[in-house]
mmCIF file of all heavy atoms, coordinates in Angstrom:
data_MODEL
# 
_entry.id   MODEL 
# 
loop_
_atom_site.group_PDB 
_atom_site.id 
_atom_site.type_symbol 
_atom_site.label_atom_id 
_atom_site.label_alt_id 
_atom_site.label_comp_id 
_atom_site.label_asym_id 
_atom_site.label_entity_id 
_atom_site.label_seq_id 
_atom_site.pdbx_PDB_ins_code 
_atom_site.Cartn_x 
_atom_site.Cartn_y 
_atom_site.Cartn_z 
_atom_site.occupancy 
_atom_site.B_iso_or_equiv 
_atom_site.pdbx_formal_charge 
_atom_site.auth_seq_id 
_atom_site.auth_comp_id 
_atom_site.auth_asym_id 
_atom_site.auth_atom_id 
_atom_site.pdbx_PDB_model_num 
ATOM 1   N N   . ASN A 1 1  ? -4.061  18.159  9.377   1.00 0.00 ? 1  ASN A N   1 
ATOM 2   C CA  . ASN A 1 1  ? -5.008  18.132  10.487  1.00 0.00 ? 1  ASN A CA  1 
ATOM 3   C C   . ASN A 1 1  ? -6.349  17.520  10.081  1.00 0.00 ? 1  ASN A C   1 
ATOM 4   O O   . ASN A 1 1  ? -7.164  17.169  10.943  1.00 0.00 ? 1  ASN A O   1 
ATOM 5   C CB  . ASN A 1 1  ? -5.240  19.555  11.017  1.00 0.00 ? 1  ASN A CB  1 
ATOM 6   C CG  . ASN A 1 1  ? -4.007  20.120  11.700  1.00 0.00 ? 1  ASN A CG  1 
ATOM 7   O OD1 . ASN A 1 1  ? -3.190  19.365  12.239  1.00 0.00 ? 1  ASN A OD1 1 
ATOM 8   N ND2 . ASN A 1 1  ? -3.863  21.440  11.681  1.00 0.00 ? 1  ASN A ND2 1 
ATOM 9   N N   . ASN A 1 2  ? -6.570  17.389  8.757   1.00 0.00 ? 2  ASN A N   1 
ATOM 10  C CA  . ASN A 1 2  ? -7.830  16.835  8.263   1.00 0.00 ? 2  ASN A CA  1 
ATOM 11  C C   . ASN A 1 2  ? -7.704  15.368  7.843   1.00 0.00 ? 2  ASN A C   1 
ATOM 12  O O   . ASN A 1 2  ? -8.633  14.791  7.291   1.00 0.00 ? 2  ASN A O   1 
ATOM 13  C CB  . ASN A 1 2  ? -8.333  17.673  7.068   1.00 0.00 ? 2  ASN A CB  1 
ATOM 14  C CG  . ASN A 1 2  ? -9.817  17.496  6.819   1.00 0.00 ? 2  ASN A CG  1 
ATOM 15  O OD1 . ASN A 1 2  ? -10.595 17.377  7.758   1.00 0.00 ? 2  ASN A OD1 1 
ATOM 16  N ND2 . ASN A 1 2  ? -10.212 17.460  5.551   1.00 0.00 ? 2  ASN A ND2 1 
ATOM 17  N N   . THR A 1 3  ? -6.544  14.763  8.102   1.00 0.00 ? 3  THR A N   1 
ATOM 18  C CA  . THR A 1 3  ? -6.339  13.355  7.750   1.00 0.00 ? 3  THR A CA  1 
ATOM 19  C C   . THR A 1 3  ? -7.038  12.465  8.770   1.00 0.00 ? 3  THR A C   1 
ATOM 20  O O   . THR A 1 3  ? -6.768  12.544  9.978   1.00 0.00 ? 3  THR A O   1 
ATOM 21  C CB  . THR A 1 3  ? -4.844  12.994  7.707   1.00 0.00 ? 3  THR A CB  1 
ATOM 22  O OG1 . THR A 1 3  ? -4.191  13.835  6.748   1.00 0.00 ? 3  THR A OG1 1 
ATOM 23  C CG2 . THR A 1 3  ? -4.656  11.538  7.310   1.00 0.00 ? 3  THR A CG2 1 
ATOM 24  N N   . ALA A 1 4  ? -7.947  11.606  8.280   1.00 0.00 ? 4  ALA A N   1 
ATOM 25  C CA  . ALA A 1 4  ? -8.736  10.749  9.179   1.00 0.00 ? 4  ALA A CA  1 
ATOM 26  C C   . ALA A 1 4  ? -8.239  9.314   9.210   1.00 0.00 ? 4  ALA A C   1 
ATOM 27  O O   . ALA A 1 4  ? -8.304  8.643   10.241  1.00 0.00 ? 4  ALA A O   1 
ATOM 28  C CB  . ALA A 1 4  ? -10.198 10.771  8.766   1.00 0.00 ? 4  ALA A CB  1 
ATOM 29  N N   . LEU A 1 5  ? -7.751  8.816   8.059   1.00 0.00 ? 5  LEU A N   1 
ATOM 30  C CA  . LEU A 1 5  ? -7.334  7.414   7.965   1.00 0.00 ? 5  LEU A CA  1 
ATOM 31  C C   . LEU A 1 5  ? -6.125  7.265   7.054   1.00 0.00 ? 5  LEU A C   1 
ATOM 32  O O   . LEU A 1 5  ? -5.949  8.035   6.101   1.00 0.00 ? 5  LEU A O   1 
ATOM 33  C CB  . LEU A 1 5  ? -8.466  6.545   7.401   1.00 0.00 ? 5  LEU A CB  1 
ATOM 34  C CG  . LEU A 1 5  ? -9.756  6.363   8.197   1.00 0.00 ? 5  LEU A CG  1 
ATOM 35  C CD1 . LEU A 1 5  ? -10.767 5.581   7.356   1.00 0.00 ? 5  LEU A CD1 1 
ATOM 36  C CD2 . LEU A 1 5  ? -9.500  5.651   9.517   1.00 0.00 ? 5  LEU A CD2 1 
ATOM 37  N N   . LEU A 1 6  ? -5.327  6.230   7.337   1.00 0.00 ? 6  LEU A N   1 
ATOM 38  C CA  . LEU A 1 6  ? -4.310  5.752   6.404   1.00 0.00 ? 6  LEU A CA  1 
ATOM 39  C C   . LEU A 1 6  ? -4.831  4.423   5.873   1.00 0.00 ? 6  LEU A C   1 
ATOM 40  O O   . LEU A 1 6  ? -5.112  3.506   6.649   1.00 0.00 ? 6  LEU A O   1 
ATOM 41  C CB  . LEU A 1 6  ? -2.962  5.554   7.101   1.00 0.00 ? 6  LEU A CB  1 
ATOM 42  C CG  . LEU A 1 6  ? -2.364  6.770   7.817   1.00 0.00 ? 6  LEU A CG  1 
ATOM 43  C CD1 . LEU A 1 6  ? -1.031  6.392   8.456   1.00 0.00 ? 6  LEU A CD1 1 
ATOM 44  C CD2 . LEU A 1 6  ? -2.185  7.935   6.856   1.00 0.00 ? 6  LEU A CD2 1 
ATOM 45  N N   . LEU A 1 7  ? -5.023  4.338   4.562   1.00 0.00 ? 7  LEU A N   1 
ATOM 46  C CA  . LEU A 1 7  ? -5.657  3.161   3.962   1.00 0.00 ? 7  LEU A CA  1 
ATOM 47  C C   . LEU A 1 7  ? -4.663  2.379   3.119   1.00 0.00 ? 7  LEU A C   1 
ATOM 48  O O   . LEU A 1 7  ? -3.946  2.949   2.288   1.00 0.00 ? 7  LEU A O   1 
ATOM 49  C CB  . LEU A 1 7  ? -6.839  3.591   3.095   1.00 0.00 ? 7  LEU A CB  1 
ATOM 50  C CG  . LEU A 1 7  ? -7.563  2.485   2.323   1.00 0.00 ? 7  LEU A CG  1 
ATOM 51  C CD1 . LEU A 1 7  ? -8.224  1.495   3.274   1.00 0.00 ? 7  LEU A CD1 1 
ATOM 52  C CD2 . LEU A 1 7  ? -8.616  3.092   1.385   1.00 0.00 ? 7  LEU A CD2 1 
ATOM 53  N N   . LYS A 1 8  ? -4.653  1.059   3.334   1.00 0.00 ? 8  LYS A N   1 
ATOM 54  C CA  . LYS A 1 8  ? -3.852  0.172   2.498   1.00 0.00 ? 8  LYS A CA  1 
ATOM 55  C C   . LYS A 1 8  ? -4.787  -0.858  1.883   1.00 0.00 ? 8  LYS A C   1 
ATOM 56  O O   . LYS A 1 8  ? -5.693  -1.367  2.555   1.00 0.00 ? 8  LYS A O   1 
ATOM 57  C CB  . LYS A 1 8  ? -2.770  -0.538  3.310   1.00 0.00 ? 8  LYS A CB  1 
ATOM 58  C CG  . LYS A 1 8  ? -1.803  -1.363  2.449   1.00 0.00 ? 8  LYS A CG  1 
ATOM 59  C CD  . LYS A 1 8  ? -0.633  -1.856  3.276   1.00 0.00 ? 8  LYS A CD  1 
ATOM 60  C CE  . LYS A 1 8  ? 0.345   -2.662  2.421   1.00 0.00 ? 8  LYS A CE  1 
ATOM 61  N NZ  . LYS A 1 8  ? 0.923   -1.849  1.320   1.00 0.00 ? 8  LYS A NZ  1 
ATOM 62  N N   . ALA A 1 9  ? -4.596  -1.151  0.589   1.00 0.00 ? 9  ALA A N   1 
ATOM 63  C CA  . ALA A 1 9  ? -5.436  -2.128  -0.103  1.00 0.00 ? 9  ALA A CA  1 
ATOM 64  C C   . ALA A 1 9  ? -4.572  -3.255  -0.651  1.00 0.00 ? 9  ALA A C   1 
ATOM 65  O O   . ALA A 1 9  ? -3.550  -3.009  -1.310  1.00 0.00 ? 9  ALA A O   1 
ATOM 66  C CB  . ALA A 1 9  ? -6.207  -1.464  -1.246  1.00 0.00 ? 9  ALA A CB  1 
ATOM 67  N N   . HIS A 1 10 ? -4.970  -4.481  -0.367  1.00 0.00 ? 10 HIS A N   1 
ATOM 68  C CA  . HIS A 1 10 ? -4.237  -5.654  -0.850  1.00 0.00 ? 10 HIS A CA  1 
ATOM 69  C C   . HIS A 1 10 ? -4.406  -5.796  -2.361  1.00 0.00 ? 10 HIS A C   1 
ATOM 70  O O   . HIS A 1 10 ? -5.520  -5.777  -2.880  1.00 0.00 ? 10 HIS A O   1 
ATOM 71  C CB  . HIS A 1 10 ? -4.765  -6.905  -0.143  1.00 0.00 ? 10 HIS A CB  1 
ATOM 72  C CG  . HIS A 1 10 ? -4.142  -8.188  -0.611  1.00 0.00 ? 10 HIS A CG  1 
ATOM 73  N ND1 . HIS A 1 10 ? -2.818  -8.289  -0.971  1.00 0.00 ? 10 HIS A ND1 1 
ATOM 74  C CD2 . HIS A 1 10 ? -4.670  -9.433  -0.759  1.00 0.00 ? 10 HIS A CD2 1 
ATOM 75  C CE1 . HIS A 1 10 ? -2.561  -9.535  -1.324  1.00 0.00 ? 10 HIS A CE1 1 
ATOM 76  N NE2 . HIS A 1 10 ? -3.668  -10.242 -1.211  1.00 0.00 ? 10 HIS A NE2 1 
ATOM 77  N N   . GLN A 1 11 ? -3.298  -5.939  -3.068  1.00 0.00 ? 11 GLN A N   1 
ATOM 78  C CA  . GLN A 1 11 ? -3.329  -6.141  -4.525  1.00 0.00 ? 11 GLN A CA  1 
ATOM 79  C C   . GLN A 1 11 ? -3.647  -7.607  -4.801  1.00 0.00 ? 11 GLN A C   1 
ATOM 80  O O   . GLN A 1 11 ? -2.809  -8.374  -5.270  1.00 0.00 ? 11 GLN A O   1 
ATOM 81  C CB  . GLN A 1 11 ? -1.987  -5.735  -5.135  1.00 0.00 ? 11 GLN A CB  1 
ATOM 82  C CG  . GLN A 1 11 ? -1.621  -4.276  -4.873  1.00 0.00 ? 11 GLN A CG  1 
ATOM 83  C CD  . GLN A 1 11 ? -0.146  -3.991  -5.101  1.00 0.00 ? 11 GLN A CD  1 
ATOM 84  O OE1 . GLN A 1 11 ? 0.624   -4.871  -5.443  1.00 0.00 ? 11 GLN A OE1 1 
ATOM 85  N NE2 . GLN A 1 11 ? 0.262   -2.754  -4.878  1.00 0.00 ? 11 GLN A NE2 1 
ATOM 86  N N   . SER A 1 12 ? -4.888  -7.966  -4.511  1.00 0.00 ? 12 SER A N   1 
ATOM 87  C CA  . SER A 1 12 ? -5.252  -9.382  -4.538  1.00 0.00 ? 12 SER A CA  1 
ATOM 88  C C   . SER A 1 12 ? -5.552  -9.921  -5.928  1.00 0.00 ? 12 SER A C   1 
ATOM 89  O O   . SER A 1 12 ? -5.562  -11.131 -6.132  1.00 0.00 ? 12 SER A O   1 
ATOM 90  C CB  . SER A 1 12 ? -6.472  -9.618  -3.633  1.00 0.00 ? 12 SER A CB  1 
ATOM 91  O OG  . SER A 1 12 ? -7.577  -8.868  -4.083  1.00 0.00 ? 12 SER A OG  1 
ATOM 92  N N   . ASN A 1 13 ? -5.827  -9.036  -6.901  1.00 0.00 ? 13 ASN A N   1 
ATOM 93  C CA  . ASN A 1 13 ? -6.181  -9.528  -8.228  1.00 0.00 ? 13 ASN A CA  1 
ATOM 94  C C   . ASN A 1 13 ? -5.225  -9.058  -9.327  1.00 0.00 ? 13 ASN A C   1 
ATOM 95  O O   . ASN A 1 13 ? -5.542  -9.125  -10.509 1.00 0.00 ? 13 ASN A O   1 
ATOM 96  C CB  . ASN A 1 13 ? -7.628  -9.157  -8.581  1.00 0.00 ? 13 ASN A CB  1 
ATOM 97  C CG  . ASN A 1 13 ? -7.865  -7.652  -8.544  1.00 0.00 ? 13 ASN A CG  1 
ATOM 98  O OD1 . ASN A 1 13 ? -6.950  -6.874  -8.271  1.00 0.00 ? 13 ASN A OD1 1 
ATOM 99  N ND2 . ASN A 1 13 ? -9.083  -7.238  -8.832  1.00 0.00 ? 13 ASN A ND2 1 
ATOM 100 N N   . TYR A 1 14 ? -4.049  -8.566  -8.930  1.00 0.00 ? 14 TYR A N   1 
ATOM 101 C CA  . TYR A 1 14 ? -3.031  -8.202  -9.919  1.00 0.00 ? 14 TYR A CA  1 
ATOM 102 C C   . TYR A 1 14 ? -1.669  -8.164  -9.241  1.00 0.00 ? 14 TYR A C   1 
ATOM 103 O O   . TYR A 1 14 ? -1.558  -8.179  -8.008  1.00 0.00 ? 14 TYR A O   1 
ATOM 104 C CB  . TYR A 1 14 ? -3.336  -6.841  -10.569 1.00 0.00 ? 14 TYR A CB  1 
ATOM 105 C CG  . TYR A 1 14 ? -3.270  -5.657  -9.618  1.00 0.00 ? 14 TYR A CG  1 
ATOM 106 C CD1 . TYR A 1 14 ? -2.149  -4.836  -9.565  1.00 0.00 ? 14 TYR A CD1 1 
ATOM 107 C CD2 . TYR A 1 14 ? -4.334  -5.362  -8.760  1.00 0.00 ? 14 TYR A CD2 1 
ATOM 108 C CE1 . TYR A 1 14 ? -2.090  -3.749  -8.691  1.00 0.00 ? 14 TYR A CE1 1 
ATOM 109 C CE2 . TYR A 1 14 ? -4.288  -4.285  -7.904  1.00 0.00 ? 14 TYR A CE2 1 
ATOM 110 C CZ  . TYR A 1 14 ? -3.163  -3.482  -7.873  1.00 0.00 ? 14 TYR A CZ  1 
ATOM 111 O OH  . TYR A 1 14 ? -3.107  -2.422  -7.014  1.00 0.00 ? 14 TYR A OH  1 
ATOM 112 N N   . ILE A 1 15 ? -0.620  -8.128  -10.070 1.00 0.00 ? 15 ILE A N   1 
ATOM 113 C CA  . ILE A 1 15 ? 0.749   -8.127  -9.558  1.00 0.00 ? 15 ILE A CA  1 
ATOM 114 C C   . ILE A 1 15 ? 1.526   -6.990  -10.206 1.00 0.00 ? 15 ILE A C   1 
ATOM 115 O O   . ILE A 1 15 ? 1.437   -6.771  -11.419 1.00 0.00 ? 15 ILE A O   1 
ATOM 116 C CB  . ILE A 1 15 ? 1.468   -9.457  -9.889  1.00 0.00 ? 15 ILE A CB  1 
ATOM 117 C CG1 . ILE A 1 15 ? 0.750   -10.645 -9.234  1.00 0.00 ? 15 ILE A CG1 1 
ATOM 118 C CG2 . ILE A 1 15 ? 2.914   -9.428  -9.408  1.00 0.00 ? 15 ILE A CG2 1 
ATOM 119 C CD1 . ILE A 1 15 ? 1.312   -11.983 -9.665  1.00 0.00 ? 15 ILE A CD1 1 
ATOM 120 N N   . ILE A 1 16 ? 2.263   -6.253  -9.387  1.00 0.00 ? 16 ILE A N   1 
ATOM 121 C CA  . ILE A 1 16 ? 3.211   -5.267  -9.911  1.00 0.00 ? 16 ILE A CA  1 
ATOM 122 C C   . ILE A 1 16 ? 4.608   -5.799  -9.610  1.00 0.00 ? 16 ILE A C   1 
ATOM 123 O O   . ILE A 1 16 ? 4.974   -5.976  -8.440  1.00 0.00 ? 16 ILE A O   1 
ATOM 124 C CB  . ILE A 1 16 ? 3.010   -3.886  -9.264  1.00 0.00 ? 16 ILE A CB  1 
ATOM 125 C CG1 . ILE A 1 16 ? 1.607   -3.354  -9.561  1.00 0.00 ? 16 ILE A CG1 1 
ATOM 126 C CG2 . ILE A 1 16 ? 4.057   -2.899  -9.779  1.00 0.00 ? 16 ILE A CG2 1 
ATOM 127 C CD1 . ILE A 1 16 ? 1.299   -2.019  -8.908  1.00 0.00 ? 16 ILE A CD1 1 
ATOM 128 N N   . GLN A 1 17 ? 5.374   -6.084  -10.648 1.00 0.00 ? 17 GLN A N   1 
ATOM 129 C CA  . GLN A 1 17 ? 6.703   -6.673  -10.475 1.00 0.00 ? 17 GLN A CA  1 
ATOM 130 C C   . GLN A 1 17 ? 7.779   -5.752  -11.041 1.00 0.00 ? 17 GLN A C   1 
ATOM 131 O O   . GLN A 1 17 ? 7.498   -4.852  -11.830 1.00 0.00 ? 17 GLN A O   1 
ATOM 132 C CB  . GLN A 1 17 ? 6.773   -8.037  -11.174 1.00 0.00 ? 17 GLN A CB  1 
ATOM 133 C CG  . GLN A 1 17 ? 5.884   -9.102  -10.540 1.00 0.00 ? 17 GLN A CG  1 
ATOM 134 C CD  . GLN A 1 17 ? 5.988   -10.428 -11.259 1.00 0.00 ? 17 GLN A CD  1 
ATOM 135 O OE1 . GLN A 1 17 ? 6.098   -10.481 -12.482 1.00 0.00 ? 17 GLN A OE1 1 
ATOM 136 N NE2 . GLN A 1 17 ? 5.950   -11.517 -10.504 1.00 0.00 ? 17 GLN A NE2 1 
ATOM 137 N N   . GLY A 1 18 ? 9.012   -6.009  -10.636 1.00 0.00 ? 18 GLY A N   1 
ATOM 138 C CA  . GLY A 1 18 ? 10.135  -5.243  -11.173 1.00 0.00 ? 18 GLY A CA  1 
ATOM 139 C C   . GLY A 1 18 ? 10.613  -4.183  -10.207 1.00 0.00 ? 18 GLY A C   1 
ATOM 140 O O   . GLY A 1 18 ? 10.877  -4.451  -9.032  1.00 0.00 ? 18 GLY A O   1 
ATOM 141 N N   . PHE A 1 19 ? 10.698  -2.957  -10.687 1.00 0.00 ? 19 PHE A N   1 
ATOM 142 C CA  . PHE A 1 19 ? 11.217  -1.827  -9.916  1.00 0.00 ? 19 PHE A CA  1 
ATOM 143 C C   . PHE A 1 19 ? 10.091  -1.298  -9.026  1.00 0.00 ? 19 PHE A C   1 
ATOM 144 O O   . PHE A 1 19 ? 9.392   -0.356  -9.366  1.00 0.00 ? 19 PHE A O   1 
ATOM 145 C CB  . PHE A 1 19 ? 11.712  -0.752  -10.884 1.00 0.00 ? 19 PHE A CB  1 
ATOM 146 C CG  . PHE A 1 19 ? 12.460  0.367   -10.226 1.00 0.00 ? 19 PHE A CG  1 
ATOM 147 C CD1 . PHE A 1 19 ? 13.611  0.140   -9.476  1.00 0.00 ? 19 PHE A CD1 1 
ATOM 148 C CD2 . PHE A 1 19 ? 12.014  1.677   -10.357 1.00 0.00 ? 19 PHE A CD2 1 
ATOM 149 C CE1 . PHE A 1 19 ? 14.292  1.183   -8.874  1.00 0.00 ? 19 PHE A CE1 1 
ATOM 150 C CE2 . PHE A 1 19 ? 12.694  2.734   -9.764  1.00 0.00 ? 19 PHE A CE2 1 
ATOM 151 C CZ  . PHE A 1 19 ? 13.840  2.476   -9.014  1.00 0.00 ? 19 PHE A CZ  1 
ATOM 152 N N   . THR A 1 20 ? 9.889   -1.955  -7.883  1.00 0.00 ? 20 THR A N   1 
ATOM 153 C CA  . THR A 1 20 ? 8.734   -1.649  -7.035  1.00 0.00 ? 20 THR A CA  1 
ATOM 154 C C   . THR A 1 20 ? 9.135   -1.447  -5.578  1.00 0.00 ? 20 THR A C   1 
ATOM 155 O O   . THR A 1 20 ? 10.185  -1.887  -5.130  1.00 0.00 ? 20 THR A O   1 
ATOM 156 C CB  . THR A 1 20 ? 7.693   -2.780  -7.090  1.00 0.00 ? 20 THR A CB  1 
ATOM 157 O OG1 . THR A 1 20 ? 8.274   -3.963  -6.520  1.00 0.00 ? 20 THR A OG1 1 
ATOM 158 C CG2 . THR A 1 20 ? 7.258   -3.066  -8.510  1.00 0.00 ? 20 THR A CG2 1 
ATOM 159 N N   . GLN A 1 21 ? 8.252   -0.781  -4.847  1.00 0.00 ? 21 GLN A N   1 
ATOM 160 C CA  . GLN A 1 21 ? 8.411   -0.605  -3.414  1.00 0.00 ? 21 GLN A CA  1 
ATOM 161 C C   . GLN A 1 21 ? 7.070   -0.187  -2.826  1.00 0.00 ? 21 GLN A C   1 
ATOM 162 O O   . GLN A 1 21 ? 6.314   0.550   -3.465  1.00 0.00 ? 21 GLN A O   1 
ATOM 163 C CB  . GLN A 1 21 ? 9.463   0.475   -3.093  1.00 0.00 ? 21 GLN A CB  1 
ATOM 164 C CG  . GLN A 1 21 ? 9.733   0.670   -1.603  1.00 0.00 ? 21 GLN A CG  1 
ATOM 165 C CD  . GLN A 1 21 ? 10.797  1.719   -1.338  1.00 0.00 ? 21 GLN A CD  1 
ATOM 166 O OE1 . GLN A 1 21 ? 11.499  2.156   -2.259  1.00 0.00 ? 21 GLN A OE1 1 
ATOM 167 N NE2 . GLN A 1 21 ? 10.926  2.134   -0.097  1.00 0.00 ? 21 GLN A NE2 1 
ATOM 168 N N   . GLU A 1 22 ? 6.755   -0.694  -1.656  1.00 0.00 ? 22 GLU A N   1 
ATOM 169 C CA  . GLU A 1 22 ? 5.535   -0.278  -0.976  1.00 0.00 ? 22 GLU A CA  1 
ATOM 170 C C   . GLU A 1 22 ? 5.797   -0.165  0.516   1.00 0.00 ? 22 GLU A C   1 
ATOM 171 O O   . GLU A 1 22 ? 6.666   -0.850  1.068   1.00 0.00 ? 22 GLU A O   1 
ATOM 172 C CB  . GLU A 1 22 ? 4.390   -1.252  -1.230  1.00 0.00 ? 22 GLU A CB  1 
ATOM 173 C CG  . GLU A 1 22 ? 4.587   -2.647  -0.678  1.00 0.00 ? 22 GLU A CG  1 
ATOM 174 C CD  . GLU A 1 22 ? 3.377   -3.537  -0.908  1.00 0.00 ? 22 GLU A CD  1 
ATOM 175 O OE1 . GLU A 1 22 ? 2.352   -3.323  -0.225  1.00 0.00 ? 22 GLU A OE1 1 
ATOM 176 O OE2 . GLU A 1 22 ? 3.458   -4.440  -1.764  1.00 0.00 ? 22 GLU A OE2 1 
ATOM 177 N N   . ALA A 1 23 ? 5.068   0.716   1.149   1.00 0.00 ? 23 ALA A N   1 
ATOM 178 C CA  . ALA A 1 23 ? 5.190   0.861   2.601   1.00 0.00 ? 23 ALA A CA  1 
ATOM 179 C C   . ALA A 1 23 ? 4.591   -0.365  3.268   1.00 0.00 ? 23 ALA A C   1 
ATOM 180 O O   . ALA A 1 23 ? 3.505   -0.828  2.898   1.00 0.00 ? 23 ALA A O   1 
ATOM 181 C CB  . ALA A 1 23 ? 4.465   2.123   3.051   1.00 0.00 ? 23 ALA A CB  1 
ATOM 182 N N   . SER A 1 24 ? 5.297   -0.911  4.257   1.00 0.00 ? 24 SER A N   1 
ATOM 183 C CA  . SER A 1 24 ? 4.811   -2.103  4.947   1.00 0.00 ? 24 SER A CA  1 
ATOM 184 C C   . SER A 1 24 ? 3.717   -1.733  5.942   1.00 0.00 ? 24 SER A C   1 
ATOM 185 O O   . SER A 1 24 ? 3.574   -0.573  6.350   1.00 0.00 ? 24 SER A O   1 
ATOM 186 C CB  . SER A 1 24 ? 5.954   -2.793  5.681   1.00 0.00 ? 24 SER A CB  1 
ATOM 187 O OG  . SER A 1 24 ? 6.399   -1.984  6.760   1.00 0.00 ? 24 SER A OG  1 
ATOM 188 N N   . LEU A 1 25 ? 2.958   -2.742  6.334   1.00 0.00 ? 25 LEU A N   1 
ATOM 189 C CA  . LEU A 1 25 ? 1.926   -2.521  7.342   1.00 0.00 ? 25 LEU A CA  1 
ATOM 190 C C   . LEU A 1 25 ? 2.544   -2.037  8.648   1.00 0.00 ? 25 LEU A C   1 
ATOM 191 O O   . LEU A 1 25 ? 2.008   -1.144  9.307   1.00 0.00 ? 25 LEU A O   1 
ATOM 192 C CB  . LEU A 1 25 ? 1.156   -3.824  7.591   1.00 0.00 ? 25 LEU A CB  1 
ATOM 193 C CG  . LEU A 1 25 ? 0.009   -4.149  6.629   1.00 0.00 ? 25 LEU A CG  1 
ATOM 194 C CD1 . LEU A 1 25 ? -0.587  -5.504  6.974   1.00 0.00 ? 25 LEU A CD1 1 
ATOM 195 C CD2 . LEU A 1 25 ? -1.069  -3.077  6.702   1.00 0.00 ? 25 LEU A CD2 1 
ATOM 196 N N   . ALA A 1 26 ? 3.673   -2.623  9.012   1.00 0.00 ? 26 ALA A N   1 
ATOM 197 C CA  . ALA A 1 26 ? 4.333   -2.231  10.258  1.00 0.00 ? 26 ALA A CA  1 
ATOM 198 C C   . ALA A 1 26 ? 4.714   -0.749  10.231  1.00 0.00 ? 26 ALA A C   1 
ATOM 199 O O   . ALA A 1 26 ? 4.539   -0.028  11.228  1.00 0.00 ? 26 ALA A O   1 
ATOM 200 C CB  . ALA A 1 26 ? 5.569   -3.097  10.485  1.00 0.00 ? 26 ALA A CB  1 
ATOM 201 N N   . GLU A 1 27 ? 5.213   -0.291  9.093   1.00 0.00 ? 27 GLU A N   1 
ATOM 202 C CA  . GLU A 1 27 ? 5.576   1.126   8.964   1.00 0.00 ? 27 GLU A CA  1 
ATOM 203 C C   . GLU A 1 27 ? 4.342   2.020   9.075   1.00 0.00 ? 27 GLU A C   1 
ATOM 204 O O   . GLU A 1 27 ? 4.374   3.070   9.731   1.00 0.00 ? 27 GLU A O   1 
ATOM 205 C CB  . GLU A 1 27 ? 6.264   1.364   7.613   1.00 0.00 ? 27 GLU A CB  1 
ATOM 206 C CG  . GLU A 1 27 ? 7.663   0.785   7.515   1.00 0.00 ? 27 GLU A CG  1 
ATOM 207 C CD  . GLU A 1 27 ? 8.252   0.971   6.134   1.00 0.00 ? 27 GLU A CD  1 
ATOM 208 O OE1 . GLU A 1 27 ? 7.534   0.750   5.132   1.00 0.00 ? 27 GLU A OE1 1 
ATOM 209 O OE2 . GLU A 1 27 ? 9.445   1.342   6.052   1.00 0.00 ? 27 GLU A OE2 1 
# 
């Protein structure tokens, strides 16, 4: 009930590769 925002940050200056997964903007 105290959640105000869902925040996503673009990984613009680094890369995480391999065994990865992230929630999409649409989701």
